[in-house]
N, C-alpha and C. Protein backbone atom coordinates (compact mmCIF):
# COMPACT_ATOMS: atom_id res chain seq x y z
N MET A 1 -12.86 -28.13 2.98
CA MET A 1 -12.47 -27.68 1.71
C MET A 1 -12.07 -26.20 1.71
N GLU A 2 -10.93 -25.95 1.02
CA GLU A 2 -10.46 -24.56 0.92
C GLU A 2 -10.94 -23.88 -0.26
N VAL A 3 -11.53 -22.68 -0.23
CA VAL A 3 -11.94 -21.92 -1.26
C VAL A 3 -11.38 -20.51 -1.31
N ILE A 4 -11.35 -19.89 -2.42
CA ILE A 4 -10.98 -18.46 -2.57
C ILE A 4 -12.22 -17.70 -2.82
N LEU A 5 -12.54 -16.80 -1.96
CA LEU A 5 -13.70 -16.00 -2.04
C LEU A 5 -13.53 -14.97 -3.20
N ILE A 6 -14.53 -14.83 -4.13
CA ILE A 6 -14.56 -13.93 -5.03
C ILE A 6 -15.25 -12.63 -4.74
N LYS A 7 -16.29 -12.69 -3.83
CA LYS A 7 -16.94 -11.62 -3.40
C LYS A 7 -16.97 -11.67 -1.83
N ASP A 8 -17.29 -10.54 -1.20
CA ASP A 8 -17.46 -10.58 0.29
C ASP A 8 -18.64 -11.45 0.69
N VAL A 9 -18.45 -12.32 1.69
CA VAL A 9 -19.45 -13.10 2.17
C VAL A 9 -19.60 -12.75 3.71
N ASP A 10 -20.79 -12.56 4.10
CA ASP A 10 -21.06 -12.12 5.58
C ASP A 10 -20.68 -13.41 6.41
N ASN A 11 -20.07 -12.96 7.56
CA ASN A 11 -19.62 -14.08 8.55
C ASN A 11 -18.76 -15.07 7.96
N LEU A 12 -18.03 -14.80 6.92
CA LEU A 12 -17.02 -15.74 6.37
C LEU A 12 -15.69 -15.02 6.02
N GLY A 13 -15.80 -14.09 5.22
CA GLY A 13 -14.60 -13.37 4.80
C GLY A 13 -14.80 -12.41 3.72
N ALA A 14 -13.63 -11.73 3.38
CA ALA A 14 -13.70 -10.72 2.33
C ALA A 14 -13.21 -11.28 0.95
N ALA A 15 -13.37 -10.48 -0.01
CA ALA A 15 -13.04 -10.98 -1.40
C ALA A 15 -11.44 -11.24 -1.38
N ASN A 16 -11.08 -12.18 -2.18
CA ASN A 16 -9.66 -12.50 -2.42
C ASN A 16 -8.96 -13.09 -1.22
N GLU A 17 -9.81 -13.76 -0.39
CA GLU A 17 -9.31 -14.42 0.84
C GLU A 17 -9.50 -15.92 0.67
N VAL A 18 -8.54 -16.66 1.19
CA VAL A 18 -8.60 -18.10 1.25
C VAL A 18 -9.23 -18.63 2.60
N VAL A 19 -10.30 -19.27 2.46
CA VAL A 19 -11.01 -19.76 3.79
C VAL A 19 -11.27 -21.21 3.64
N LYS A 20 -11.35 -21.87 4.83
CA LYS A 20 -11.66 -23.23 4.91
C LYS A 20 -13.18 -23.36 5.32
N VAL A 21 -13.89 -24.10 4.62
CA VAL A 21 -15.38 -24.31 4.83
C VAL A 21 -15.68 -25.77 4.65
N LYS A 22 -16.79 -26.20 5.07
CA LYS A 22 -17.24 -27.54 4.91
C LYS A 22 -17.61 -27.81 3.41
N ASN A 23 -17.37 -29.06 2.99
CA ASN A 23 -17.63 -29.40 1.57
C ASN A 23 -19.04 -29.16 1.11
N GLY A 24 -20.04 -29.44 1.90
CA GLY A 24 -21.52 -29.10 1.51
C GLY A 24 -21.67 -27.67 1.34
N TYR A 25 -21.19 -26.89 2.20
CA TYR A 25 -21.40 -25.32 2.12
C TYR A 25 -20.83 -24.88 0.90
N ALA A 26 -19.51 -25.35 0.58
CA ALA A 26 -18.94 -24.87 -0.71
C ALA A 26 -19.55 -25.39 -1.98
N ARG A 27 -19.98 -26.60 -1.97
CA ARG A 27 -20.55 -27.25 -3.18
C ARG A 27 -22.03 -26.76 -3.48
N ASN A 28 -22.88 -26.51 -2.33
CA ASN A 28 -24.22 -26.20 -2.47
C ASN A 28 -24.53 -24.78 -2.39
N PHE A 29 -23.58 -23.87 -1.94
CA PHE A 29 -23.91 -22.49 -1.63
C PHE A 29 -22.97 -21.57 -2.39
N LEU A 30 -21.62 -21.74 -2.02
CA LEU A 30 -20.73 -20.75 -2.48
C LEU A 30 -20.34 -20.91 -4.04
N LEU A 31 -20.06 -22.14 -4.36
CA LEU A 31 -19.76 -22.38 -5.83
C LEU A 31 -20.79 -22.13 -6.75
N PRO A 32 -22.01 -22.54 -6.59
CA PRO A 32 -23.15 -22.26 -7.58
C PRO A 32 -23.54 -20.78 -7.70
N ARG A 33 -23.33 -20.08 -6.60
CA ARG A 33 -23.61 -18.67 -6.64
C ARG A 33 -22.47 -17.76 -7.03
N GLN A 34 -21.36 -18.47 -7.37
CA GLN A 34 -20.17 -17.85 -7.90
C GLN A 34 -19.65 -16.76 -6.81
N LEU A 35 -19.71 -17.15 -5.61
CA LEU A 35 -19.11 -16.38 -4.49
C LEU A 35 -17.70 -16.82 -4.20
N ALA A 36 -17.37 -17.97 -4.70
CA ALA A 36 -16.05 -18.46 -4.50
C ALA A 36 -15.58 -19.61 -5.49
N VAL A 37 -14.26 -19.79 -5.60
CA VAL A 37 -13.78 -20.82 -6.45
C VAL A 37 -12.89 -21.80 -5.60
N GLU A 38 -12.81 -23.07 -6.17
CA GLU A 38 -11.88 -23.99 -5.40
C GLU A 38 -10.53 -23.39 -5.24
N ALA A 39 -9.78 -23.67 -4.17
CA ALA A 39 -8.44 -23.26 -4.10
C ALA A 39 -7.51 -24.26 -4.55
N SER A 40 -7.52 -24.45 -5.90
CA SER A 40 -6.58 -25.25 -6.52
C SER A 40 -5.28 -24.55 -6.74
N PRO A 41 -4.19 -25.23 -7.18
CA PRO A 41 -2.95 -24.57 -7.35
C PRO A 41 -2.96 -23.55 -8.35
N GLY A 42 -3.70 -23.76 -9.53
CA GLY A 42 -3.82 -22.77 -10.59
C GLY A 42 -4.64 -21.51 -10.01
N ASN A 43 -5.64 -21.76 -9.22
CA ASN A 43 -6.45 -20.55 -8.87
C ASN A 43 -5.60 -19.85 -7.84
N ARG A 44 -4.82 -20.53 -7.00
CA ARG A 44 -3.92 -19.89 -5.97
C ARG A 44 -2.84 -18.94 -6.72
N ASN A 45 -2.32 -19.41 -7.78
CA ASN A 45 -1.46 -18.63 -8.55
C ASN A 45 -2.09 -17.40 -9.22
N GLN A 46 -3.34 -17.59 -9.76
CA GLN A 46 -4.02 -16.43 -10.21
C GLN A 46 -4.39 -15.42 -9.12
N LEU A 47 -4.69 -15.89 -7.92
CA LEU A 47 -4.87 -14.96 -6.74
C LEU A 47 -3.60 -14.21 -6.41
N GLU A 48 -2.37 -14.84 -6.43
CA GLU A 48 -1.17 -14.20 -6.08
C GLU A 48 -0.85 -13.11 -7.08
N GLU A 49 -1.05 -13.47 -8.35
CA GLU A 49 -0.85 -12.48 -9.44
C GLU A 49 -1.78 -11.23 -9.33
N LYS A 50 -3.15 -11.57 -8.97
CA LYS A 50 -4.02 -10.48 -9.00
C LYS A 50 -3.58 -9.51 -7.72
N MET A 51 -3.10 -10.18 -6.57
CA MET A 51 -2.64 -9.45 -5.49
C MET A 51 -1.53 -8.57 -5.72
N LYS A 52 -0.49 -9.03 -6.54
CA LYS A 52 0.58 -8.18 -6.95
C LYS A 52 0.17 -7.06 -7.80
N GLN A 53 -0.79 -7.20 -8.71
CA GLN A 53 -1.24 -6.16 -9.57
C GLN A 53 -2.01 -5.14 -8.71
N LEU A 54 -2.80 -5.56 -7.78
CA LEU A 54 -3.45 -4.63 -6.92
C LEU A 54 -2.48 -3.82 -6.12
N LYS A 55 -1.48 -4.47 -5.65
CA LYS A 55 -0.38 -3.76 -4.96
C LYS A 55 0.33 -2.66 -5.62
N LYS A 56 0.68 -3.06 -6.98
CA LYS A 56 1.28 -2.06 -7.81
C LYS A 56 0.35 -0.90 -8.11
N LYS A 57 -0.94 -1.22 -8.29
CA LYS A 57 -1.82 -0.12 -8.61
C LYS A 57 -2.07 0.79 -7.35
N GLU A 58 -2.13 0.25 -6.22
CA GLU A 58 -2.24 0.94 -4.95
C GLU A 58 -0.99 1.78 -4.75
N ASP A 59 0.21 1.23 -5.03
CA ASP A 59 1.40 2.12 -4.83
C ASP A 59 1.45 3.26 -5.80
N LYS A 60 1.01 3.06 -7.04
CA LYS A 60 0.91 4.17 -7.97
C LYS A 60 -0.04 5.17 -7.57
N MET A 61 -1.19 4.77 -7.08
CA MET A 61 -2.26 5.77 -6.57
C MET A 61 -1.74 6.57 -5.39
N LEU A 62 -1.00 5.84 -4.46
CA LEU A 62 -0.52 6.63 -3.36
C LEU A 62 0.55 7.55 -3.81
N ALA A 63 1.39 7.30 -4.83
CA ALA A 63 2.37 8.29 -5.14
C ALA A 63 1.59 9.48 -5.85
N GLN A 64 0.54 9.26 -6.61
CA GLN A 64 -0.21 10.43 -7.14
C GLN A 64 -0.83 11.16 -6.08
N ILE A 65 -1.39 10.61 -5.01
CA ILE A 65 -2.01 11.36 -3.93
C ILE A 65 -0.99 12.19 -3.17
N ASN A 66 0.25 11.67 -2.94
CA ASN A 66 1.27 12.41 -2.32
C ASN A 66 1.64 13.63 -3.15
N SER A 67 1.77 13.45 -4.40
CA SER A 67 2.13 14.64 -5.36
C SER A 67 0.89 15.68 -5.23
N VAL A 68 -0.34 15.27 -5.14
CA VAL A 68 -1.45 16.20 -5.05
C VAL A 68 -1.39 16.97 -3.76
N ILE A 69 -1.01 16.23 -2.69
CA ILE A 69 -0.94 16.75 -1.40
C ILE A 69 0.18 17.85 -1.33
N GLU A 70 1.19 17.51 -1.90
CA GLU A 70 2.36 18.43 -1.89
C GLU A 70 2.06 19.76 -2.77
N LYS A 71 1.31 19.55 -3.81
CA LYS A 71 0.89 20.70 -4.60
C LYS A 71 -0.17 21.54 -3.89
N LEU A 72 -1.00 20.90 -3.15
CA LEU A 72 -1.99 21.68 -2.37
C LEU A 72 -1.40 22.39 -1.17
N LYS A 73 -0.24 21.98 -0.73
CA LYS A 73 0.43 22.65 0.44
C LYS A 73 1.28 23.86 0.00
N GLU A 74 1.50 23.97 -1.25
CA GLU A 74 2.41 24.98 -1.79
C GLU A 74 1.82 26.46 -1.37
N GLY A 75 0.62 26.75 -1.51
CA GLY A 75 0.09 28.09 -1.22
C GLY A 75 -1.30 28.01 -0.89
N ALA A 76 -1.78 29.08 -0.31
CA ALA A 76 -3.21 29.21 0.04
C ALA A 76 -4.11 29.40 -1.10
N LEU A 77 -5.40 28.79 -1.15
CA LEU A 77 -6.27 29.08 -2.14
C LEU A 77 -7.06 30.41 -1.90
N ARG A 78 -7.41 31.03 -2.92
CA ARG A 78 -8.13 32.32 -2.79
C ARG A 78 -9.59 32.04 -3.16
N ILE A 79 -10.49 32.41 -2.33
CA ILE A 79 -11.90 32.17 -2.65
C ILE A 79 -12.55 33.46 -2.57
N GLY A 80 -13.21 33.88 -3.61
CA GLY A 80 -13.97 35.23 -3.60
C GLY A 80 -15.39 35.04 -3.16
N ALA A 81 -15.75 36.05 -2.30
CA ALA A 81 -17.17 36.01 -1.87
C ALA A 81 -17.75 37.34 -1.81
N LYS A 82 -18.95 37.57 -1.99
CA LYS A 82 -19.62 38.89 -1.89
C LYS A 82 -19.74 39.17 -0.34
N THR A 83 -19.43 40.35 -0.11
CA THR A 83 -19.46 40.84 1.27
C THR A 83 -20.24 42.13 1.55
N GLY A 84 -20.68 42.32 2.72
CA GLY A 84 -21.41 43.54 3.13
C GLY A 84 -20.36 44.46 3.61
N THR A 85 -20.89 45.60 4.12
CA THR A 85 -20.04 46.71 4.47
C THR A 85 -19.25 46.31 5.71
N SER A 86 -19.76 45.54 6.65
CA SER A 86 -19.09 45.13 7.82
C SER A 86 -18.01 43.99 7.72
N GLY A 87 -17.75 43.46 6.44
CA GLY A 87 -16.77 42.48 6.25
C GLY A 87 -17.34 41.04 6.36
N LYS A 88 -18.57 40.86 6.64
CA LYS A 88 -19.24 39.56 6.71
C LYS A 88 -19.64 39.23 5.30
N ILE A 89 -19.43 37.98 4.97
CA ILE A 89 -19.95 37.48 3.58
C ILE A 89 -21.40 37.11 3.62
N PHE A 90 -21.98 37.16 2.42
CA PHE A 90 -23.41 36.76 2.33
C PHE A 90 -23.29 35.13 2.22
N GLY A 91 -24.00 34.45 3.03
CA GLY A 91 -23.91 32.98 2.98
C GLY A 91 -22.70 32.52 3.78
N SER A 92 -22.09 31.42 3.26
CA SER A 92 -20.91 30.93 3.95
C SER A 92 -20.12 30.16 2.87
N VAL A 93 -18.90 29.83 3.03
CA VAL A 93 -18.05 29.13 2.18
C VAL A 93 -18.38 27.72 2.31
N THR A 94 -18.57 26.93 1.18
CA THR A 94 -18.90 25.57 1.13
C THR A 94 -17.85 24.74 0.59
N PRO A 95 -17.89 23.40 0.81
CA PRO A 95 -16.80 22.55 0.17
C PRO A 95 -16.85 22.57 -1.30
N LEU A 96 -17.95 22.85 -2.00
CA LEU A 96 -18.19 23.00 -3.39
C LEU A 96 -17.27 24.11 -3.88
N GLN A 97 -17.24 25.24 -3.17
CA GLN A 97 -16.44 26.43 -3.54
C GLN A 97 -14.97 26.11 -3.45
N ILE A 98 -14.67 25.34 -2.50
CA ILE A 98 -13.22 25.06 -2.25
C ILE A 98 -12.89 23.99 -3.38
N SER A 99 -13.63 22.97 -3.73
CA SER A 99 -13.36 22.15 -4.80
C SER A 99 -13.21 22.95 -6.09
N ARG A 100 -14.07 23.89 -6.37
CA ARG A 100 -13.90 24.68 -7.58
C ARG A 100 -12.63 25.42 -7.59
N ALA A 101 -12.19 25.98 -6.45
CA ALA A 101 -10.95 26.80 -6.36
C ALA A 101 -9.71 25.91 -6.66
N ILE A 102 -9.79 24.73 -6.06
CA ILE A 102 -8.70 23.74 -6.25
C ILE A 102 -8.55 23.41 -7.73
N ARG A 103 -9.71 23.13 -8.40
CA ARG A 103 -9.61 22.89 -9.84
C ARG A 103 -9.04 24.00 -10.63
N GLU A 104 -9.51 25.23 -10.32
CA GLU A 104 -9.10 26.36 -11.10
C GLU A 104 -7.73 26.82 -10.76
N GLN A 105 -7.34 26.81 -9.55
CA GLN A 105 -5.90 27.36 -9.13
C GLN A 105 -4.86 26.30 -9.10
N LYS A 106 -5.15 25.06 -8.77
CA LYS A 106 -4.23 24.09 -8.68
C LYS A 106 -4.21 23.01 -9.89
N GLY A 107 -5.28 22.97 -10.44
CA GLY A 107 -5.41 22.00 -11.66
C GLY A 107 -5.83 20.53 -11.27
N TYR A 108 -6.43 20.35 -10.03
CA TYR A 108 -6.78 19.00 -9.59
C TYR A 108 -8.25 18.92 -9.40
N GLU A 109 -8.85 17.82 -9.76
CA GLU A 109 -10.29 17.65 -9.55
C GLU A 109 -10.42 16.81 -8.29
N ILE A 110 -11.10 17.51 -7.25
CA ILE A 110 -11.36 16.79 -5.95
C ILE A 110 -12.71 16.81 -5.62
N ASP A 111 -13.31 15.66 -5.31
CA ASP A 111 -14.68 15.59 -4.98
C ASP A 111 -15.08 16.42 -3.76
N ARG A 112 -16.18 17.22 -3.83
CA ARG A 112 -16.57 18.10 -2.68
C ARG A 112 -16.87 17.26 -1.43
N ARG A 113 -17.34 15.94 -1.57
CA ARG A 113 -17.66 15.21 -0.41
C ARG A 113 -16.41 14.78 0.44
N LYS A 114 -15.14 14.89 -0.15
CA LYS A 114 -13.99 14.63 0.46
C LYS A 114 -13.40 15.75 1.31
N ILE A 115 -14.03 16.97 1.15
CA ILE A 115 -13.52 18.13 1.77
C ILE A 115 -14.34 18.40 3.03
N ASN A 116 -13.73 18.70 4.13
CA ASN A 116 -14.41 19.10 5.47
C ASN A 116 -13.91 20.33 5.88
N ILE A 117 -14.80 21.22 6.21
CA ILE A 117 -14.46 22.49 6.81
C ILE A 117 -15.01 22.47 8.31
N PRO A 118 -14.01 22.43 9.15
CA PRO A 118 -14.36 22.23 10.63
C PRO A 118 -15.17 23.28 11.22
N GLU A 119 -15.04 24.63 10.84
CA GLU A 119 -15.77 25.62 11.29
C GLU A 119 -16.58 26.39 10.25
N GLU A 120 -17.64 27.15 10.61
CA GLU A 120 -18.53 27.77 9.65
C GLU A 120 -17.74 29.05 9.22
N VAL A 121 -17.55 29.33 7.92
CA VAL A 121 -16.86 30.38 7.44
C VAL A 121 -17.87 31.44 6.94
N LYS A 122 -17.94 32.56 7.76
CA LYS A 122 -18.96 33.54 7.46
C LYS A 122 -18.24 35.02 7.30
N GLU A 123 -16.91 35.02 7.57
CA GLU A 123 -16.24 36.30 7.50
C GLU A 123 -15.02 36.17 6.70
N LEU A 124 -14.37 37.31 6.23
CA LEU A 124 -13.23 37.27 5.50
C LEU A 124 -12.10 36.87 6.41
N GLY A 125 -11.05 36.20 5.74
CA GLY A 125 -9.96 35.88 6.58
C GLY A 125 -9.30 34.53 6.02
N THR A 126 -8.41 33.87 6.82
CA THR A 126 -7.66 32.63 6.46
C THR A 126 -8.25 31.54 7.22
N TYR A 127 -8.52 30.49 6.61
CA TYR A 127 -9.08 29.34 7.28
C TYR A 127 -8.45 28.01 6.83
N LYS A 128 -8.70 26.93 7.48
CA LYS A 128 -8.16 25.68 7.13
C LYS A 128 -9.35 24.62 6.76
N ALA A 129 -9.11 23.85 5.78
CA ALA A 129 -10.01 22.72 5.47
C ALA A 129 -9.22 21.40 5.31
N THR A 130 -9.85 20.35 5.61
CA THR A 130 -9.23 19.02 5.50
C THR A 130 -9.66 18.18 4.38
N ILE A 131 -8.89 17.56 3.59
CA ILE A 131 -9.28 16.69 2.50
C ILE A 131 -8.96 15.19 2.89
N ASP A 132 -9.90 14.22 2.91
CA ASP A 132 -9.66 12.86 3.12
C ASP A 132 -9.58 12.14 1.81
N PHE A 133 -8.31 11.70 1.49
CA PHE A 133 -8.20 10.92 0.30
C PHE A 133 -8.45 9.44 0.49
N GLY A 134 -8.51 9.01 1.62
CA GLY A 134 -8.77 7.51 1.94
C GLY A 134 -7.47 7.00 2.32
N ASN A 135 -7.41 5.76 2.62
CA ASN A 135 -6.18 5.07 3.10
C ASN A 135 -5.36 5.87 4.11
N ASP A 136 -6.07 6.44 5.06
CA ASP A 136 -5.45 7.24 6.14
C ASP A 136 -4.58 8.39 5.52
N ARG A 137 -4.99 8.93 4.35
CA ARG A 137 -4.23 10.07 3.92
C ARG A 137 -5.09 11.35 3.97
N ILE A 138 -4.72 12.23 4.86
CA ILE A 138 -5.54 13.47 5.02
C ILE A 138 -4.47 14.60 4.84
N ALA A 139 -5.11 15.66 4.10
CA ALA A 139 -4.27 16.88 3.86
C ALA A 139 -4.98 18.03 4.36
N GLU A 140 -4.31 19.11 4.94
CA GLU A 140 -4.96 20.27 5.32
C GLU A 140 -4.52 21.28 4.18
N VAL A 141 -5.57 22.05 3.95
CA VAL A 141 -5.57 23.08 2.90
C VAL A 141 -5.87 24.42 3.46
N ASP A 142 -4.94 25.36 3.26
CA ASP A 142 -5.27 26.72 3.63
C ASP A 142 -6.06 27.44 2.61
N PHE A 143 -7.05 28.24 2.98
CA PHE A 143 -7.76 29.03 2.08
C PHE A 143 -7.97 30.35 2.62
N GLU A 144 -8.07 31.31 1.73
CA GLU A 144 -8.25 32.76 2.10
C GLU A 144 -9.60 33.25 1.53
N VAL A 145 -10.45 33.82 2.21
CA VAL A 145 -11.75 34.29 1.69
C VAL A 145 -11.43 35.74 1.53
N VAL A 146 -11.64 36.15 0.29
CA VAL A 146 -11.47 37.58 -0.16
C VAL A 146 -12.73 38.22 -0.74
N THR A 147 -12.82 39.50 -0.77
CA THR A 147 -14.05 40.11 -1.38
C THR A 147 -13.89 39.98 -2.89
N GLU A 148 -15.04 39.78 -3.64
CA GLU A 148 -15.06 39.74 -4.98
C GLU A 148 -14.94 41.02 -5.66
């Protein structure tokens, strides 16, 4: 029997996938627990329409991500930090500070957990951070640490 999975099922497949299973497994396990529906022509058409809508939504989101990446590459962010007399900053620059700088200077809200600083920033100067948007979309952002 062919079924369309509604949710991910271990050792069987992912959601929105058509799989062939034994009749008893489908009738006694998948269908009663609403993990799958029968792969009838009507359900197949619904699946195709759902996949088209997901594709459109994904394309729109990728276009937005590309525009954000272009905006972030326009110029370096300026992050103010308190410094001592030797030019070293008190503490270090964190992804939270970079996230706030992007919000204030570029107008975009980016989650701090998506920002990665490869090296520890403890002095004034220019550095790079990477932002992982998912879907293999990674952007490098330049930021400059200046005294407050």
